[in-house]
Amino acid sequence: MYKRRFGKFRLILWLGIVPCFLLNGGCYHKKVPATGEERAIPAINKVVVVGFLPAMQQGDKADVVRDPISGSVFMAEPVPKGVAQHMTDVLFNRLVDDQRFGLVSPGQARGVFSKLVDSDRNVGMTPVRVAQAVGRSFSADAVLGGYLYRWREREGGDYAVKRPASVAFNLHLIRPSDGAILWKSKYDKTQRSLSENLFDLSTFVKGGGRWMTAEKLAMIGLEKLLAQMPGAPVKEAEKSAEKTEEGDN
């Protein structure tokens, strides 16, 4: 059975606010559908980046949990303090660098959210409804956020480990107007040796044949998710345009 690890506590952490409103535990007896419906992706120009939140509280035991937005299942455990903020900072900086969207920062989003939670009318809002409210306040086309499910550091060094690094996280793009999930993707990886997994050569190569830290493994995953996101980075779009012009000439 899957314990319900997500509640109002997760909504506030999503935007970096102090944890509160924790719901009582329960069990999943059947598959829980995604909160929003995935649709064809329209043009996205302005995105509110709310970033990552931990899927579990410190002190919780490792458990199987279900993402409250997409319905995906993960083996989760509490992540070290500060990791969610670090990943949020990296995510935002990468998006700033590739210039594919007009951006609203996580700090700006927190300011709006603090006003939302001041009202008793907003108690019990789902993550999707929170995203909608925040997105509408900035007249944004989408809100980008996700959960950190696992951040297990390796035990050992570059060439010999007792236990390899393991990370898991996901991202969602939610449309403020109707709560539709415009895009979603996840990364769930425990490093294996090449002899254990011959089909994961790319991770082996990117790691330089070494046992990676959780940070390194997570950066590979984040790079993969950003490459899958809708909208080509400006730099890539410019290169494509240049190639087209060269072909025309």
C-alpha atoms as a PDB file:
ATOM      1  CA  MET A   1       0.000   0.000   0.000  1.00  0.00           C
ATOM      2  CA  TYR A   2       1.203   3.495  -0.766  1.00  0.00           C
ATOM      3  CA  LYS A   3       1.199   5.970   2.128  1.00  0.00           C
ATOM      4  CA  ARG A   4      -0.113   9.421   1.398  1.00  0.00           C
ATOM      5  CA  ARG A   5       2.930  11.523   2.029  1.00  0.00           C
ATOM      6  CA  PHE A   6       1.591  14.618   0.323  1.00  0.00           C
ATOM      7  CA  GLY A   7      -0.715  17.240   1.799  1.00  0.00           C
ATOM      8  CA  LYS A   8      -0.796  20.914   2.623  1.00  0.00           C
ATOM      9  CA  PHE A   9       2.760  20.561   3.993  1.00  0.00           C
ATOM     10  CA  ARG A  10       3.946  19.868   0.428  1.00  0.00           C
ATOM     11  CA  LEU A  11       2.208  22.950  -0.970  1.00  0.00           C
ATOM     12  CA  ILE A  12       4.125  25.301   1.277  1.00  0.00           C
ATOM     13  CA  LEU A  13       7.484  23.600   0.837  1.00  0.00           C
ATOM     14  CA  TRP A  14       6.992  23.850  -2.921  1.00  0.00           C
ATOM     15  CA  LEU A  15       7.572  27.559  -2.634  1.00  0.00           C
ATOM     16  CA  GLY A  16      10.178  27.440   0.113  1.00  0.00           C
ATOM     17  CA  ILE A  17       7.860  28.273   3.031  1.00  0.00           C
ATOM     18  CA  VAL A  18       8.235  26.640   6.453  1.00  0.00           C
ATOM     19  CA  PRO A  19       6.484  23.198   6.556  1.00  0.00           C
ATOM     20  CA  CYS A  20       2.964  23.089   8.015  1.00  0.00           C
ATOM     21  CA  PHE A  21      -0.527  21.666   7.523  1.00  0.00           C
ATOM     22  CA  LEU A  22       0.675  18.018   7.444  1.00  0.00           C
ATOM     23  CA  LEU A  23      -2.119  15.605   6.594  1.00  0.00           C
ATOM     24  CA  ASN A  24      -2.653  12.330   8.417  1.00  0.00           C
ATOM     25  CA  GLY A  25      -1.245   9.201   6.801  1.00  0.00           C
ATOM     26  CA  GLY A  26      -3.377   6.850   4.767  1.00  0.00           C
ATOM     27  CA  CYS A  27      -3.141   4.087   2.223  1.00  0.00           C
ATOM     28  CA  TYR A  28      -3.546   3.815  -1.507  1.00  0.00           C
ATOM     29  CA  HIS A  29      -5.807   0.967  -2.550  1.00  0.00           C
ATOM     30  CA  LYS A  30      -5.976   1.833  -6.203  1.00  0.00           C
ATOM     31  CA  LYS A  31      -4.227   3.948  -8.755  1.00  0.00           C
ATOM     32  CA  VAL A  32      -4.695   7.679  -8.204  1.00  0.00           C
ATOM     33  CA  PRO A  33      -5.102   9.544 -11.503  1.00  0.00           C
ATOM     34  CA  ALA A  34      -3.058  12.641 -12.242  1.00  0.00           C
ATOM     35  CA  THR A  35      -4.645  15.847 -10.963  1.00  0.00           C
ATOM     36  CA  GLY A  36      -4.434  17.588 -14.326  1.00  0.00           C
ATOM     37  CA  GLU A  37      -4.956  16.307 -17.818  1.00  0.00           C
ATOM     38  CA  GLU A  38      -1.965  16.324 -20.150  1.00  0.00           C
ATOM     39  CA  ARG A  39      -2.776  18.335 -23.281  1.00  0.00           C
ATOM     40  CA  ALA A  40      -1.200  19.436 -26.531  1.00  0.00           C
ATOM     41  CA  ILE A  41       1.437  22.033 -25.729  1.00  0.00           C
ATOM     42  CA  PRO A  42       0.631  25.593 -26.866  1.00  0.00           C
ATOM     43  CA  ALA A  43       3.142  28.425 -27.136  1.00  0.00           C
ATOM     44  CA  ILE A  44       4.746  29.106 -23.759  1.00  0.00           C
ATOM     45  CA  ASN A  45       6.328  32.513 -23.292  1.00  0.00           C
ATOM     46  CA  LYS A  46       6.218  33.284 -19.576  1.00  0.00           C
ATOM     47  CA  VAL A  47       6.902  30.713 -16.849  1.00  0.00           C
ATOM     48  CA  VAL A  48       6.781  30.994 -13.065  1.00  0.00           C
ATOM     49  CA  VAL A  49       9.572  28.813 -11.635  1.00  0.00           C
ATOM     50  CA  VAL A  50       8.592  27.532  -8.199  1.00  0.00           C
ATOM     51  CA  GLY A  51      11.292  24.840  -8.206  1.00  0.00           C
ATOM     52  CA  PHE A  52      11.618  21.699  -6.091  1.00  0.00           C
ATOM     53  CA  LEU A  53      10.306  20.584  -2.733  1.00  0.00           C
ATOM     54  CA  PRO A  54      11.214  17.489  -0.684  1.00  0.00           C
ATOM     55  CA  ALA A  55       8.649  14.715  -0.965  1.00  0.00           C
ATOM     56  CA  MET A  56       9.196  13.594   2.648  1.00  0.00           C
ATOM     57  CA  GLN A  57       9.852  15.185   6.007  1.00  0.00           C
ATOM     58  CA  GLN A  58      13.083  14.706   7.914  1.00  0.00           C
ATOM     59  CA  GLY A  59      12.630  11.734  10.212  1.00  0.00           C
ATOM     60  CA  ASP A  60      10.293   9.859   7.875  1.00  0.00           C
ATOM     61  CA  LYS A  61      11.299   6.359   6.865  1.00  0.00           C
ATOM     62  CA  ALA A  62      11.939   5.413   3.249  1.00  0.00           C
ATOM     63  CA  ASP A  63       8.663   4.497   1.615  1.00  0.00           C
ATOM     64  CA  VAL A  64       6.859   4.204  -1.693  1.00  0.00           C
ATOM     65  CA  VAL A  65       4.998   7.422  -2.492  1.00  0.00           C
ATOM     66  CA  ARG A  66       2.883   8.668  -5.344  1.00  0.00           C
ATOM     67  CA  ASP A  67       3.349  12.047  -6.973  1.00  0.00           C
ATOM     68  CA  PRO A  68       0.238  14.147  -6.237  1.00  0.00           C
ATOM     69  CA  ILE A  69       0.241  15.742  -9.680  1.00  0.00           C
ATOM     70  CA  SER A  70       1.299  13.098 -12.204  1.00  0.00           C
ATOM     71  CA  GLY A  71       0.489   9.936 -10.252  1.00  0.00           C
ATOM     72  CA  SER A  72       3.996   8.484 -10.813  1.00  0.00           C
ATOM     73  CA  VAL A  73       5.313   6.180  -8.083  1.00  0.00           C
ATOM     74  CA  PHE A  74       8.754   6.593  -6.488  1.00  0.00           C
ATOM     75  CA  MET A  75      10.816   4.973  -3.772  1.00  0.00           C
ATOM     76  CA  ALA A  76      11.361   8.011  -1.571  1.00  0.00           C
ATOM     77  CA  GLU A  77      13.341   9.007   1.499  1.00  0.00           C
ATOM     78  CA  PRO A  78      14.055  12.343   3.205  1.00  0.00           C
ATOM     79  CA  VAL A  79      16.620  14.453   1.340  1.00  0.00           C
ATOM     80  CA  PRO A  80      19.366  16.385   3.153  1.00  0.00           C
ATOM     81  CA  LYS A  81      18.562  19.909   4.267  1.00  0.00           C
ATOM     82  CA  GLY A  82      19.278  22.539   1.639  1.00  0.00           C
ATOM     83  CA  VAL A  83      19.200  20.182  -1.338  1.00  0.00           C
ATOM     84  CA  ALA A  84      15.770  21.319  -2.558  1.00  0.00           C
ATOM     85  CA  GLN A  85      16.842  24.966  -2.513  1.00  0.00           C
ATOM     86  CA  HIS A  86      20.107  24.105  -4.262  1.00  0.00           C
ATOM     87  CA  MET A  87      18.298  22.213  -7.023  1.00  0.00           C
ATOM     88  CA  THR A  88      15.806  25.066  -7.389  1.00  0.00           C
ATOM     89  CA  ASP A  89      18.664  27.557  -7.786  1.00  0.00           C
ATOM     90  CA  VAL A  90      20.381  25.383 -10.394  1.00  0.00           C
ATOM     91  CA  LEU A  91      17.108  24.884 -12.285  1.00  0.00           C
ATOM     92  CA  PHE A  92      16.382  28.599 -12.405  1.00  0.00           C
ATOM     93  CA  ASN A  93      19.935  29.527 -13.419  1.00  0.00           C
ATOM     94  CA  ARG A  94      19.901  26.968 -16.242  1.00  0.00           C
ATOM     95  CA  LEU A  95      16.648  28.399 -17.567  1.00  0.00           C
ATOM     96  CA  VAL A  96      18.043  31.925 -17.362  1.00  0.00           C
ATOM     97  CA  ASP A  97      21.082  30.811 -19.357  1.00  0.00           C
ATOM     98  CA  ASP A  98      19.180  29.094 -22.169  1.00  0.00           C
ATOM     99  CA  GLN A  99      16.675  31.969 -22.493  1.00  0.00           C
ATOM    100  CA  ARG A 100      13.801  29.856 -23.795  1.00  0.00           C
ATOM    101  CA  PHE A 101      11.172  31.550 -21.597  1.00  0.00           C
ATOM    102  CA  GLY A 102      10.429  34.812 -19.892  1.00  0.00           C
ATOM    103  CA  LEU A 103      10.856  33.863 -16.219  1.00  0.00           C
ATOM    104  CA  VAL A 104       9.401  34.693 -12.834  1.00  0.00           C
ATOM    105  CA  SER A 105      11.850  33.670 -10.098  1.00  0.00           C
ATOM    106  CA  PRO A 106      11.120  31.340  -7.153  1.00  0.00           C
ATOM    107  CA  GLY A 107      11.625  34.295  -4.823  1.00  0.00           C
ATOM    108  CA  GLN A 108       8.883  36.272  -6.540  1.00  0.00           C
ATOM    109  CA  ALA A 109       6.583  33.247  -6.440  1.00  0.00           C
ATOM    110  CA  ARG A 110       7.118  32.872  -2.677  1.00  0.00           C
ATOM    111  CA  GLY A 111       5.921  36.418  -2.118  1.00  0.00           C
ATOM    112  CA  VAL A 112       2.627  35.702  -3.865  1.00  0.00           C
ATOM    113  CA  PHE A 113       2.175  32.396  -2.109  1.00  0.00           C
ATOM    114  CA  SER A 114       2.618  33.916   1.343  1.00  0.00           C
ATOM    115  CA  LYS A 115      -0.478  36.022   0.638  1.00  0.00           C
ATOM    116  CA  LEU A 116      -2.437  32.964  -0.469  1.00  0.00           C
ATOM    117  CA  VAL A 117      -1.859  31.042   2.755  1.00  0.00           C
ATOM    118  CA  ASP A 118      -2.940  34.009   4.889  1.00  0.00           C
ATOM    119  CA  SER A 119      -6.537  33.378   3.878  1.00  0.00           C
ATOM    120  CA  ASP A 120      -8.598  30.611   5.478  1.00  0.00           C
ATOM    121  CA  ARG A 121     -10.382  30.228   2.140  1.00  0.00           C
ATOM    122  CA  ASN A 122      -7.250  28.622   0.684  1.00  0.00           C
ATOM    123  CA  VAL A 123      -6.863  25.860   3.278  1.00  0.00           C
ATOM    124  CA  GLY A 124      -6.821  22.471   1.553  1.00  0.00           C
ATOM    125  CA  MET A 125      -5.837  23.736  -1.901  1.00  0.00           C
ATOM    126  CA  THR A 126      -4.297  21.047  -4.079  1.00  0.00           C
ATOM    127  CA  PRO A 127      -0.800  21.558  -5.586  1.00  0.00           C
ATOM    128  CA  VAL A 128      -2.374  22.187  -8.985  1.00  0.00           C
ATOM    129  CA  ARG A 129      -4.734  24.852  -7.662  1.00  0.00           C
ATOM    130  CA  VAL A 130      -1.851  26.543  -5.867  1.00  0.00           C
ATOM    131  CA  ALA A 131       0.127  26.557  -9.109  1.00  0.00           C
ATOM    132  CA  GLN A 132      -2.854  28.024 -10.949  1.00  0.00           C
ATOM    133  CA  ALA A 133      -3.273  30.832  -8.421  1.00  0.00           C
ATOM    134  CA  VAL A 134       0.409  31.723  -8.480  1.00  0.00           C
ATOM    135  CA  GLY A 135       0.583  31.562 -12.273  1.00  0.00           C
ATOM    136  CA  ARG A 136      -2.468  33.770 -12.736  1.00  0.00           C
ATOM    137  CA  SER A 137      -1.043  36.424 -10.436  1.00  0.00           C
ATOM    138  CA  PHE A 138       1.831  36.872 -12.897  1.00  0.00           C
ATOM    139  CA  SER A 139      -0.273  36.386 -16.047  1.00  0.00           C
ATOM    140  CA  ALA A 140       2.032  33.454 -16.861  1.00  0.00           C
ATOM    141  CA  ASP A 141       1.534  30.756 -19.471  1.00  0.00           C
ATOM    142  CA  ALA A 142       2.809  27.997 -17.180  1.00  0.00           C
ATOM    143  CA  VAL A 143       4.154  27.178 -13.721  1.00  0.00           C
ATOM    144  CA  LEU A 144       7.195  24.903 -13.372  1.00  0.00           C
ATOM    145  CA  GLY A 145       7.772  22.832 -10.251  1.00  0.00           C
ATOM    146  CA  GLY A 146       8.587  19.363  -9.027  1.00  0.00           C
ATOM    147  CA  TYR A 147       9.418  17.076  -6.129  1.00  0.00           C
ATOM    148  CA  LEU A 148      12.667  15.613  -4.818  1.00  0.00           C
ATOM    149  CA  TYR A 149      12.109  11.996  -3.851  1.00  0.00           C
ATOM    150  CA  ARG A 150      15.612  10.745  -3.166  1.00  0.00           C
ATOM    151  CA  TRP A 151      19.119  12.134  -2.723  1.00  0.00           C
ATOM    152  CA  ARG A 152      21.307   9.306  -1.453  1.00  0.00           C
ATOM    153  CA  GLU A 153      25.024  10.021  -1.419  1.00  0.00           C
ATOM    154  CA  ARG A 154      27.503   7.369  -2.498  1.00  0.00           C
ATOM    155  CA  GLU A 155      29.490   5.510   0.147  1.00  0.00           C
ATOM    156  CA  GLY A 156      33.022   5.229  -1.126  1.00  0.00           C
ATOM    157  CA  GLY A 157      35.239   6.975  -3.641  1.00  0.00           C
ATOM    158  CA  ASP A 158      35.561   7.525  -7.384  1.00  0.00           C
ATOM    159  CA  TYR A 159      36.604   3.964  -8.164  1.00  0.00           C
ATOM    160  CA  ALA A 160      35.166   1.830  -5.366  1.00  0.00           C
ATOM    161  CA  VAL A 161      31.884   2.154  -3.485  1.00  0.00           C
ATOM    162  CA  LYS A 162      29.956   0.266  -0.852  1.00  0.00           C
ATOM    163  CA  ARG A 163      26.775   1.939  -1.981  1.00  0.00           C
ATOM    164  CA  PRO A 164      26.303   4.025  -5.169  1.00  0.00           C
ATOM    165  CA  ALA A 165      24.608   7.409  -5.403  1.00  0.00           C
ATOM    166  CA  SER A 166      20.865   7.423  -6.053  1.00  0.00           C
ATOM    167  CA  VAL A 167      18.563  10.336  -6.910  1.00  0.00           C
ATOM    168  CA  ALA A 168      14.954  10.773  -7.995  1.00  0.00           C
ATOM    169  CA  PHE A 169      12.984  13.885  -8.917  1.00  0.00           C
ATOM    170  CA  ASN A 170      10.449  15.175 -11.426  1.00  0.00           C
ATOM    171  CA  LEU A 171       9.155  18.367 -13.032  1.00  0.00           C
ATOM    172  CA  HIS A 172       5.735  19.525 -14.241  1.00  0.00           C
ATOM    173  CA  LEU A 173       4.559  22.428 -16.368  1.00  0.00           C
ATOM    174  CA  ILE A 174       1.051  23.416 -15.296  1.00  0.00           C
ATOM    175  CA  ARG A 175      -1.231  25.816 -17.171  1.00  0.00           C
ATOM    176  CA  PRO A 176      -2.773  28.415 -14.808  1.00  0.00           C
ATOM    177  CA  SER A 177      -5.994  28.858 -16.793  1.00  0.00           C
ATOM    178  CA  ASP A 178      -7.308  25.308 -16.312  1.00  0.00           C
ATOM    179  CA  GLY A 179      -4.693  23.296 -14.364  1.00  0.00           C
ATOM    180  CA  ALA A 180      -3.749  21.168 -17.366  1.00  0.00           C
ATOM    181  CA  ILE A 181      -0.388  19.400 -17.218  1.00  0.00           C
ATOM    182  CA  LEU A 182       1.313  20.690 -20.356  1.00  0.00           C
ATOM    183  CA  TRP A 183       4.459  18.611 -19.816  1.00  0.00           C
ATOM    184  CA  LYS A 184       5.943  16.292 -17.233  1.00  0.00           C
ATOM    185  CA  SER A 185       9.079  14.203 -16.887  1.00  0.00           C
ATOM    186  CA  LYS A 186      10.987  12.354 -14.196  1.00  0.00           C
ATOM    187  CA  TYR A 187      14.487  11.121 -13.427  1.00  0.00           C
ATOM    188  CA  ASP A 188      14.962   8.107 -11.152  1.00  0.00           C
ATOM    189  CA  LYS A 189      18.507   6.779 -11.173  1.00  0.00           C
ATOM    190  CA  THR A 190      20.770   4.632  -9.040  1.00  0.00           C
ATOM    191  CA  GLN A 191      24.212   4.401 -10.606  1.00  0.00           C
ATOM    192  CA  ARG A 192      25.285   0.943 -11.739  1.00  0.00           C
ATOM    193  CA  SER A 193      28.570  -0.309 -13.070  1.00  0.00           C
ATOM    194  CA  LEU A 194      28.775  -0.804 -16.822  1.00  0.00           C
ATOM    195  CA  SER A 195      28.920  -4.571 -16.320  1.00  0.00           C
ATOM    196  CA  GLU A 196      25.637  -4.401 -14.385  1.00  0.00           C
ATOM    197  CA  ASN A 197      23.878  -2.273 -16.969  1.00  0.00           C
ATOM    198  CA  LEU A 198      25.288  -2.345 -20.488  1.00  0.00           C
ATOM    199  CA  PHE A 199      22.323  -0.330 -21.746  1.00  0.00           C
ATOM    200  CA  ASP A 200      23.213   2.742 -19.677  1.00  0.00           C
ATOM    201  CA  LEU A 201      26.429   3.590 -21.485  1.00  0.00           C
ATOM    202  CA  SER A 202      25.601   7.312 -21.630  1.00  0.00           C
ATOM    203  CA  THR A 203      25.610   7.662 -17.838  1.00  0.00           C
ATOM    204  CA  PHE A 204      28.864   5.707 -17.625  1.00  0.00           C
ATOM    205  CA  VAL A 205      30.495   7.999 -20.193  1.00  0.00           C
ATOM    206  CA  LYS A 206      29.211  11.223 -18.610  1.00  0.00           C
ATOM    207  CA  GLY A 207      30.563  10.044 -15.269  1.00  0.00           C
ATOM    208  CA  GLY A 208      33.992   9.462 -16.765  1.00  0.00           C
ATOM    209  CA  GLY A 209      33.874   5.806 -15.761  1.00  0.00           C
ATOM    210  CA  ARG A 210      33.811   6.802 -12.096  1.00  0.00           C
ATOM    211  CA  TRP A 211      31.308   6.348  -9.315  1.00  0.00           C
ATOM    212  CA  MET A 212      29.480   9.662  -9.207  1.00  0.00           C
ATOM    213  CA  THR A 213      28.311  11.768  -6.307  1.00  0.00           C
ATOM    214  CA  ALA A 214      24.590  12.416  -5.897  1.00  0.00           C
ATOM    215  CA  GLU A 215      25.224  15.963  -7.139  1.00  0.00           C
ATOM    216  CA  LYS A 216      26.831  14.777 -10.369  1.00  0.00           C
ATOM    217  CA  LEU A 217      24.142  12.180 -10.986  1.00  0.00           C
ATOM    218  CA  ALA A 218      21.414  14.770 -10.357  1.00  0.00           C
ATOM    219  CA  MET A 219      22.980  17.269 -12.764  1.00  0.00           C
ATOM    220  CA  ILE A 220      22.926  14.651 -15.525  1.00  0.00           C
ATOM    221  CA  GLY A 221      19.256  14.069 -14.796  1.00  0.00           C
ATOM    222  CA  LEU A 222      18.369  17.745 -14.702  1.00  0.00           C
ATOM    223  CA  GLU A 223      20.143  18.293 -18.012  1.00  0.00           C
ATOM    224  CA  LYS A 224      18.096  15.463 -19.501  1.00  0.00           C
ATOM    225  CA  LEU A 225      14.782  16.871 -18.242  1.00  0.00           C
ATOM    226  CA  LEU A 226      15.546  20.383 -19.455  1.00  0.00           C
ATOM    227  CA  ALA A 227      16.423  19.019 -22.891  1.00  0.00           C
ATOM    228  CA  GLN A 228      12.961  17.408 -23.019  1.00  0.00           C
ATOM    229  CA  MET A 229      11.071  20.527 -22.003  1.00  0.00           C
ATOM    230  CA  PRO A 230       8.967  22.323 -24.607  1.00  0.00           C
ATOM    231  CA  GLY A 231      10.561  25.273 -26.358  1.00  0.00           C
ATOM    232  CA  ALA A 232      14.071  25.258 -27.756  1.00  0.00           C
ATOM    233  CA  PRO A 233      16.666  27.403 -25.951  1.00  0.00           C
ATOM    234  CA  VAL A 234      17.382  30.660 -27.788  1.00  0.00           C
ATOM    235  CA  LYS A 235      20.957  29.634 -28.531  1.00  0.00           C
ATOM    236  CA  GLU A 236      19.822  26.392 -30.141  1.00  0.00           C
ATOM    237  CA  ALA A 237      17.081  28.180 -32.073  1.00  0.00           C
ATOM    238  CA  GLU A 238      19.631  30.666 -33.401  1.00  0.00           C
ATOM    239  CA  LYS A 239      21.916  27.844 -34.530  1.00  0.00           C
ATOM    240  CA  SER A 240      18.992  26.164 -36.288  1.00  0.00           C
ATOM    241  CA  ALA A 241      18.118  29.433 -38.024  1.00  0.00           C
ATOM    242  CA  GLU A 242      21.720  29.904 -39.124  1.00  0.00           C
ATOM    243  CA  LYS A 243      21.809  26.415 -40.619  1.00  0.00           C
ATOM    244  CA  THR A 244      18.557  27.111 -42.474  1.00  0.00           C
ATOM    245  CA  GLU A 245      19.962  30.340 -43.893  1.00  0.00           C
ATOM    246  CA  GLU A 246      23.152  28.588 -44.966  1.00  0.00           C
ATOM    247  CA  GLY A 247      21.084  25.931 -46.728  1.00  0.00           C
ATOM    248  CA  ASP A 248      19.040  28.569 -48.513  1.00  0.00           C
ATOM    249  CA  ASN A 249      22.206  30.241 -49.730  1.00  0.00           C
END
